[in-house]
Amino acid sequence: MQDSTDRLLDAILPHVPFDGWTETAFRAALAEAGIDPVVGRGLVPRGALDLAAAYHRRGDAAMARALASADFEGMRFRDKVAHAVRLRLEQAGDREVVRRGTTLFSLPHHAPEGARLLWGTADAIWTALGDTSNDVNWYTKRATLSGVYGATVLYWLGDESPDHVDTWAFLDRRIEDVMQIEKAKAQVRENRVLGTLLAGPLKLMERIRPPASQRRDDLPGGRPAS
């Protein structure tokens, strides 16, 4: 079944730059892949929309494989995050295919799906980097990185600089912004007055836990769900 879905995805890609992630492109993919429309609809009930989501997740999986073999020796953590985002963009493929997907998931009725996909990318990056957050930081890390990745994709789509050097500079600036936020949070915790005022709210936030399905004990420093 997965092989058939992959065949459909491969078949639709040449049509997306011209027709978008549309029913027209989906029907062309069915014909080229030699898959009966009824069977195809069973594989991907929402047609091209499901294939667009599958294309995004394929990029996440390729990035995760690349990160698994990456050499992070001597790299600062912020550089590891930037490298992961860059790897993900390098796995994105044809910019026009990505542009069409960005347009699709910007539509109001598909925006929640687009947000879930961005969150999935951020989660894949943090997981690959060995994140063991077990409190509200699990959410804030992924929310922040989702914003960074989404903004970087939009910049990349319009970047005509050699080897996308402007995109990588833009990415570095966004990562630096995030580091400044984390620095500010640490300063608040260390400030005696603010730390006292926020002790209650911070204590409550410490009780927030990630979804049970996301809590893993096979990562460095990880622990099983209680």
Protein backbone atom coordinates (compact mmCIF):
# COMPACT_ATOMS: atom_id res chain seq x y z
CA MET A 1 0.00 0.00 0.00
CA GLN A 2 2.81 2.41 0.87
CA ASP A 3 4.55 1.57 -2.41
CA SER A 4 1.42 2.61 -4.29
CA THR A 5 1.22 5.88 -2.35
CA ASP A 6 4.88 6.57 -3.12
CA ARG A 7 4.22 5.88 -6.80
CA LEU A 8 1.35 8.34 -6.76
CA LEU A 9 3.49 10.95 -5.04
CA ASP A 10 6.31 10.50 -7.54
CA ALA A 11 3.82 10.67 -10.41
CA ILE A 12 2.16 13.90 -9.27
CA LEU A 13 5.37 15.89 -8.69
CA PRO A 14 6.04 16.79 -12.37
CA HIS A 15 2.48 18.16 -12.62
CA VAL A 16 2.50 20.27 -9.45
CA PRO A 17 4.59 23.19 -10.82
CA PHE A 18 1.99 23.67 -13.58
CA ASP A 19 -1.31 22.58 -11.99
CA GLY A 20 -0.57 22.89 -8.28
CA TRP A 21 -1.65 20.31 -5.72
CA THR A 22 -5.02 20.00 -7.45
CA GLU A 23 -7.53 17.43 -8.58
CA THR A 24 -6.21 17.86 -12.13
CA ALA A 25 -2.70 16.93 -11.04
CA PHE A 26 -4.06 14.06 -8.95
CA ARG A 27 -5.96 12.54 -11.86
CA ALA A 28 -2.89 12.81 -14.07
CA ALA A 29 -0.85 11.03 -11.39
CA LEU A 30 -3.41 8.21 -11.15
CA ALA A 31 -3.23 7.68 -14.91
CA GLU A 32 0.56 7.74 -15.05
CA ALA A 33 0.95 5.46 -12.03
CA GLY A 34 -1.60 3.02 -13.48
CA ILE A 35 -3.70 3.09 -10.32
CA ASP A 36 -7.47 2.75 -10.45
CA PRO A 37 -9.14 5.98 -9.24
CA VAL A 38 -11.18 4.08 -6.65
CA VAL A 39 -8.04 2.44 -5.28
CA GLY A 40 -6.20 5.76 -5.38
CA ARG A 41 -8.97 7.47 -3.43
CA GLY A 42 -8.72 4.69 -0.86
CA LEU A 43 -4.99 5.30 -0.49
CA VAL A 44 -5.29 9.09 -0.25
CA PRO A 45 -8.92 10.05 0.46
CA ARG A 46 -8.23 13.78 0.09
CA GLY A 47 -6.32 13.30 -3.15
CA ALA A 48 -3.67 15.90 -3.87
CA LEU A 49 -3.95 17.39 -0.38
CA ASP A 50 -2.89 14.09 1.18
CA LEU A 51 -0.05 13.79 -1.32
CA ALA A 52 1.14 17.32 -0.51
CA ALA A 53 1.25 16.37 3.17
CA ALA A 54 3.06 13.13 2.29
CA TYR A 55 5.62 15.12 0.29
CA HIS A 56 6.31 17.32 3.31
CA ARG A 57 6.68 14.31 5.62
CA ARG A 58 8.99 12.66 3.07
CA GLY A 59 11.27 15.69 3.42
CA ASP A 60 11.17 15.38 7.22
CA ALA A 61 12.18 11.73 6.99
CA ALA A 62 15.05 12.51 4.61
CA MET A 63 16.26 15.23 6.96
CA ALA A 64 16.14 12.85 9.93
CA ARG A 65 18.28 10.34 8.05
CA ALA A 66 20.78 13.06 7.13
CA LEU A 67 20.94 14.26 10.74
CA ALA A 68 21.53 10.72 11.97
CA SER A 69 24.82 10.63 10.09
CA ALA A 70 25.79 14.29 10.62
CA ASP A 71 29.01 15.18 12.41
CA PHE A 72 28.23 17.67 15.17
CA GLU A 73 31.66 17.47 16.79
CA GLY A 74 32.57 20.85 18.27
CA MET A 75 29.37 22.59 17.13
CA ARG A 76 27.44 24.94 19.40
CA PHE A 77 23.86 23.86 19.96
CA ARG A 78 22.48 26.88 18.08
CA ASP A 79 24.62 25.83 15.12
CA LYS A 80 23.24 22.32 15.30
CA VAL A 81 19.70 23.69 15.09
CA ALA A 82 20.63 25.94 12.16
CA HIS A 83 22.32 23.01 10.41
CA ALA A 84 19.19 20.89 10.89
CA VAL A 85 16.95 23.57 9.39
CA ARG A 86 19.35 23.95 6.48
CA LEU A 87 19.33 20.19 5.90
CA ARG A 88 15.54 20.21 5.89
CA LEU A 89 15.45 22.95 3.26
CA GLU A 90 17.99 21.09 1.17
CA GLN A 91 15.61 18.11 1.22
CA ALA A 92 12.67 20.28 0.11
CA GLY A 93 13.28 19.64 -3.59
CA ASP A 94 11.80 21.72 -6.40
CA ARG A 95 11.09 25.23 -5.13
CA GLU A 96 7.99 25.53 -7.30
CA VAL A 97 6.59 22.34 -5.77
CA VAL A 98 7.24 23.80 -2.30
CA ARG A 99 5.76 27.16 -3.36
CA ARG A 100 2.59 25.44 -4.51
CA GLY A 101 2.41 23.56 -1.22
CA THR A 102 2.92 26.76 0.77
CA THR A 103 0.07 28.36 -1.16
CA LEU A 104 -2.16 25.34 -0.57
CA PHE A 105 -1.56 25.24 3.18
CA SER A 106 -1.99 29.00 3.47
CA LEU A 107 -5.66 28.68 2.51
CA PRO A 108 -7.87 29.17 5.58
CA HIS A 109 -9.45 25.71 5.39
CA HIS A 110 -6.04 24.02 5.05
CA ALA A 111 -4.08 26.24 7.45
CA PRO A 112 -4.50 23.86 10.43
CA GLU A 113 -2.99 21.07 8.34
CA GLY A 114 -0.09 23.34 7.39
CA ALA A 115 0.48 24.22 11.04
CA ARG A 116 0.57 20.53 11.95
CA LEU A 117 3.14 19.85 9.25
CA LEU A 118 5.37 22.71 10.44
CA TRP A 119 5.06 21.42 13.99
CA GLY A 120 5.98 17.95 12.75
CA THR A 121 9.13 19.33 11.13
CA ALA A 122 10.13 21.15 14.31
CA ASP A 123 9.45 18.02 16.35
CA ALA A 124 11.53 15.91 13.95
CA ILE A 125 14.45 18.32 14.33
CA TRP A 126 14.34 18.47 18.11
CA THR A 127 13.92 14.70 18.35
CA ALA A 128 16.86 14.10 16.01
CA LEU A 129 18.99 16.46 18.11
CA GLY A 130 18.20 14.45 21.24
CA ASP A 131 15.80 16.82 22.98
CA THR A 132 14.70 15.41 26.33
CA SER A 133 12.41 18.23 27.45
CA ASN A 134 9.71 16.91 29.73
CA ASP A 135 7.80 20.07 30.59
CA VAL A 136 6.44 23.21 28.93
CA ASN A 137 9.77 23.64 27.14
CA TRP A 138 8.81 20.68 24.94
CA TYR A 139 6.05 22.86 23.51
CA THR A 140 7.86 26.21 23.43
CA LYS A 141 10.88 24.74 21.60
CA ARG A 142 8.70 23.30 18.87
CA ALA A 143 6.48 26.37 18.59
CA THR A 144 9.49 28.66 18.29
CA LEU A 145 11.28 26.46 15.76
CA SER A 146 8.08 26.11 13.72
CA GLY A 147 8.09 29.89 13.36
CA VAL A 148 11.77 29.96 12.44
CA TYR A 149 11.39 27.23 9.84
CA GLY A 150 8.24 28.71 8.33
CA ALA A 151 9.81 32.17 7.99
CA THR A 152 12.99 30.70 6.50
CA VAL A 153 11.02 28.74 3.90
CA LEU A 154 9.24 31.90 2.77
CA TYR A 155 12.56 33.73 2.49
CA TRP A 156 14.13 30.80 0.61
CA LEU A 157 11.30 30.76 -1.92
CA GLY A 158 12.22 34.28 -3.03
CA ASP A 159 15.99 34.04 -2.62
CA GLU A 160 17.99 34.35 -5.83
CA SER A 161 21.41 34.70 -4.19
CA PRO A 162 24.21 32.27 -5.17
CA ASP A 163 23.85 28.98 -3.25
CA HIS A 164 21.11 30.65 -1.19
CA VAL A 165 23.67 32.45 0.97
CA ASP A 166 21.09 35.13 1.84
CA THR A 167 18.74 32.44 3.14
CA TRP A 168 21.39 30.98 5.41
CA ALA A 169 22.21 34.46 6.72
CA PHE A 170 18.50 35.05 7.36
CA LEU A 171 18.32 31.72 9.19
CA ASP A 172 21.28 32.64 11.39
CA ARG A 173 19.55 35.90 12.36
CA ARG A 174 16.35 34.08 13.28
CA ILE A 175 18.27 31.56 15.39
CA GLU A 176 20.07 34.45 17.11
CA ASP A 177 16.69 36.02 17.91
CA VAL A 178 15.60 32.76 19.53
CA MET A 179 18.81 32.61 21.55
CA GLN A 180 18.13 36.11 22.84
CA ILE A 181 14.67 35.02 23.98
CA GLU A 182 16.15 32.04 25.82
CA LYS A 183 18.75 34.32 27.39
CA ALA A 184 16.00 36.67 28.58
CA LYS A 185 14.06 33.76 30.08
CA ALA A 186 17.14 32.64 31.99
CA GLN A 187 17.71 36.17 33.29
CA VAL A 188 14.13 36.33 34.56
CA ARG A 189 14.61 33.08 36.47
CA GLU A 190 17.87 34.32 37.98
CA ASN A 191 16.46 37.73 38.98
CA ARG A 192 15.54 37.55 42.67
CA VAL A 193 12.56 39.92 42.42
CA LEU A 194 11.11 38.58 39.18
CA GLY A 195 11.91 35.03 40.20
CA THR A 196 9.88 35.50 43.40
CA LEU A 197 6.97 37.16 41.60
CA LEU A 198 6.81 34.43 38.97
CA ALA A 199 7.52 31.49 41.26
CA GLY A 200 3.89 30.38 41.26
CA PRO A 201 3.28 30.54 37.50
CA LEU A 202 6.66 28.94 36.79
CA LYS A 203 5.85 26.11 39.18
CA LEU A 204 2.57 25.48 37.39
CA MET A 205 4.32 25.51 34.02
CA GLU A 206 6.76 22.87 35.27
CA ARG A 207 3.81 20.49 35.64
CA ILE A 208 2.97 20.66 31.93
CA ARG A 209 4.04 17.48 30.16
CA PRO A 210 4.41 16.57 26.48
CA PRO A 211 1.95 14.10 24.91
CA ALA A 212 2.56 10.59 26.20
CA SER A 213 3.22 9.31 22.68
CA GLN A 214 6.09 11.80 22.31
CA ARG A 215 7.91 11.01 25.54
CA ARG A 216 10.76 8.69 24.69
CA ASP A 217 13.31 6.85 26.80
CA ASP A 218 15.64 5.87 23.96
CA LEU A 219 17.32 9.29 23.76
CA PRO A 220 20.37 10.41 25.77
CA GLY A 221 19.09 11.46 29.18
CA GLY A 222 15.58 10.35 28.36
CA ARG A 223 13.27 8.73 30.85
CA PRO A 224 10.18 6.58 30.52
CA ALA A 225 6.72 8.07 30.84
CA SER A 226 5.29 7.74 34.34
